[in-house]
C-alpha atoms as a PDB file:
ATOM      1  CA  MET A   1     -38.844  12.492  16.212  1.00  0.00           C
ATOM      2  CA  LYS A   2     -36.470  12.768  13.165  1.00  0.00           C
ATOM      3  CA  LYS A   3     -34.088   9.333  13.329  1.00  0.00           C
ATOM      4  CA  GLY A   4     -30.207  11.116  12.485  1.00  0.00           C
ATOM      5  CA  LYS A   5     -27.619   8.729  11.513  1.00  0.00           C
ATOM      6  CA  LEU A   6     -24.880   7.746  14.066  1.00  0.00           C
ATOM      7  CA  LYS A   7     -22.292   8.871  14.866  1.00  0.00           C
ATOM      8  CA  ILE A   8     -18.699   7.428  15.507  1.00  0.00           C
ATOM      9  CA  SER A   9     -17.240   9.353  17.590  1.00  0.00           C
ATOM     10  CA  PRO A  10     -17.985  12.981  18.609  1.00  0.00           C
ATOM     11  CA  PHE A  11     -15.375  14.769  16.159  1.00  0.00           C
ATOM     12  CA  ASP A  12     -17.764  13.487  13.105  1.00  0.00           C
ATOM     13  CA  VAL A  13     -19.388  15.855  11.174  1.00  0.00           C
ATOM     14  CA  ASP A  14     -22.425  15.999   8.963  1.00  0.00           C
ATOM     15  CA  GLY A  15     -24.733  18.644   6.930  1.00  0.00           C
ATOM     16  CA  PRO A  16     -23.071  22.041   5.759  1.00  0.00           C
ATOM     17  CA  PHE A  17     -19.608  20.879   8.124  1.00  0.00           C
ATOM     18  CA  LEU A  18     -19.166  17.849   6.447  1.00  0.00           C
ATOM     19  CA  LYS A  19     -17.592  19.116   2.883  1.00  0.00           C
ATOM     20  CA  ALA A  20     -15.638  21.493   5.150  1.00  0.00           C
ATOM     21  CA  LYS A  21     -13.787  18.642   7.109  1.00  0.00           C
ATOM     22  CA  GLU A  22     -13.103  16.826   4.346  1.00  0.00           C
ATOM     23  CA  ARG A  23     -11.965  20.003   2.751  1.00  0.00           C
ATOM     24  CA  LEU A  24      -9.600  20.277   4.880  1.00  0.00           C
ATOM     25  CA  LEU A  25      -8.473  16.900   5.176  1.00  0.00           C
ATOM     26  CA  ASP A  26      -7.536  17.427   1.819  1.00  0.00           C
ATOM     27  CA  PHE A  27      -5.973  20.267   2.177  1.00  0.00           C
ATOM     28  CA  GLY A  28      -4.001  18.399   4.963  1.00  0.00           C
ATOM     29  CA  GLU A  29      -2.638  16.074   2.970  1.00  0.00           C
ATOM     30  CA  SER A  30      -1.809  18.498  -0.212  1.00  0.00           C
ATOM     31  CA  MET A  31       0.509  19.977   2.387  1.00  0.00           C
ATOM     32  CA  THR A  32       2.300  16.399   4.063  1.00  0.00           C
ATOM     33  CA  PHE A  33       2.822  15.343   0.389  1.00  0.00           C
ATOM     34  CA  SER A  34       4.119  18.713  -0.902  1.00  0.00           C
ATOM     35  CA  SER A  35       6.246  18.673   2.628  1.00  0.00           C
ATOM     36  CA  MET A  36       8.204  15.393   1.472  1.00  0.00           C
ATOM     37  CA  VAL A  37       8.487  16.664  -2.315  1.00  0.00           C
ATOM     38  CA  GLN A  38      10.283  19.802  -1.268  1.00  0.00           C
ATOM     39  CA  ALA A  39      12.241  17.830   0.595  1.00  0.00           C
ATOM     40  CA  THR A  40      13.064  15.428  -1.834  1.00  0.00           C
ATOM     41  CA  ILE A  41      14.424  18.148  -4.436  1.00  0.00           C
ATOM     42  CA  GLU A  42      16.558  18.946  -0.966  1.00  0.00           C
ATOM     43  CA  GLU A  43      17.850  16.131  -0.490  1.00  0.00           C
ATOM     44  CA  MET A  44      18.583  15.300  -3.927  1.00  0.00           C
ATOM     45  CA  ARG A  45      20.470  19.134  -5.118  1.00  0.00           C
ATOM     46  CA  LYS A  46      22.467  18.567  -1.787  1.00  0.00           C
ATOM     47  CA  CYS A  47      23.593  15.006  -3.090  1.00  0.00           C
ATOM     48  CA  GLU A  48      23.719  15.639  -6.948  1.00  0.00           C
ATOM     49  CA  GLU A  49      27.024  18.346  -4.612  1.00  0.00           C
ATOM     50  CA  GLU A  50      28.762  16.046  -2.619  1.00  0.00           C
ATOM     51  CA  TYR A  51      28.553  14.059  -6.299  1.00  0.00           C
ATOM     52  CA  GLU A  52      29.973  16.569  -7.976  1.00  0.00           C
ATOM     53  CA  LEU A  53      32.922  16.902  -5.782  1.00  0.00           C
ATOM     54  CA  ALA A  54      33.246  13.269  -5.161  1.00  0.00           C
ATOM     55  CA  ILE A  55      33.787  13.122  -8.886  1.00  0.00           C
ATOM     56  CA  PHE A  56      35.687  15.977  -8.683  1.00  0.00           C
ATOM     57  CA  MET A  57      38.030  14.559  -5.776  1.00  0.00           C
ATOM     58  CA  ASP A  58      38.526  11.733  -7.734  1.00  0.00           C
ATOM     59  CA  ASP A  59      36.740   9.491  -4.900  1.00  0.00           C
ATOM     60  CA  LEU A  60      35.158   7.029  -7.472  1.00  0.00           C
ATOM     61  CA  GLU A  61      33.532   5.387  -4.831  1.00  0.00           C
ATOM     62  CA  LEU A  62      31.913   7.690  -2.764  1.00  0.00           C
ATOM     63  CA  ALA A  63      31.052   9.639  -6.410  1.00  0.00           C
ATOM     64  CA  ALA A  64      29.417   6.031  -7.125  1.00  0.00           C
ATOM     65  CA  LYS A  65      27.631   5.679  -3.943  1.00  0.00           C
ATOM     66  CA  LYS A  66      25.898   9.703  -5.029  1.00  0.00           C
ATOM     67  CA  LYS A  67      25.372   8.534  -8.172  1.00  0.00           C
ATOM     68  CA  ARG A  68      23.177   5.239  -6.587  1.00  0.00           C
ATOM     69  CA  GLN A  69      21.002   8.304  -4.266  1.00  0.00           C
ATOM     70  CA  LEU A  70      20.066  10.532  -6.864  1.00  0.00           C
ATOM     71  CA  GLU A  71      18.775   7.538  -9.287  1.00  0.00           C
ATOM     72  CA  THR A  72      16.809   6.481  -6.017  1.00  0.00           C
ATOM     73  CA  LEU A  73      15.653  10.056  -5.387  1.00  0.00           C
ATOM     74  CA  ASN A  74      14.511  10.698  -8.890  1.00  0.00           C
ATOM     75  CA  ARG A  75      12.396   7.408  -8.790  1.00  0.00           C
ATOM     76  CA  SER A  76      10.741   8.817  -5.944  1.00  0.00           C
ATOM     77  CA  LEU A  77      10.176  11.849  -7.578  1.00  0.00           C
ATOM     78  CA  VAL A  78       8.647   9.918 -10.841  1.00  0.00           C
ATOM     79  CA  PHE A  79       6.892   7.866  -8.557  1.00  0.00           C
ATOM     80  CA  ALA A  80       5.593  10.994  -6.339  1.00  0.00           C
ATOM     81  CA  ALA A  81       4.151  12.306  -9.872  1.00  0.00           C
ATOM     82  CA  ASN A  82       2.276   9.478 -10.689  1.00  0.00           C
ATOM     83  CA  LEU A  83       0.795   9.449  -7.239  1.00  0.00           C
ATOM     84  CA  LEU A  84       0.043  12.728  -8.103  1.00  0.00           C
ATOM     85  CA  GLU A  85      -1.736  12.405 -11.177  1.00  0.00           C
ATOM     86  CA  GLU A  86      -3.606   9.619 -10.350  1.00  0.00           C
ATOM     87  CA  GLU A  87      -5.012  10.829  -7.618  1.00  0.00           C
ATOM     88  CA  SER A  88      -5.777  14.195  -8.907  1.00  0.00           C
ATOM     89  CA  GLY A  89      -6.068  14.266 -12.642  1.00  0.00           C
ATOM     90  CA  ILE A  90      -2.960  16.470 -12.363  1.00  0.00           C
ATOM     91  CA  SER A  91      -0.524  15.798 -14.804  1.00  0.00           C
ATOM     92  CA  ALA A  92       3.088  17.141 -13.870  1.00  0.00           C
END
């Protein structure tokens, strides 16, 4: 009798489907990552418009708040780019 690898759950696969499962998981992670980056970019565009409007209306308090928010969003994108470079070797 051939001794096989013990499966942890009924959803675990091996053999020819293991590579497909790994690629599918990578694809799902990439889609989630891309969605998060896109949402951050959209939020950044909205924040930039609000920042410019605050400056136009001479609302210095709101302008300062939006500037801090823009800096935070920018740091998030820098972090995402560094993570992408580390994980995939892709230079952003």
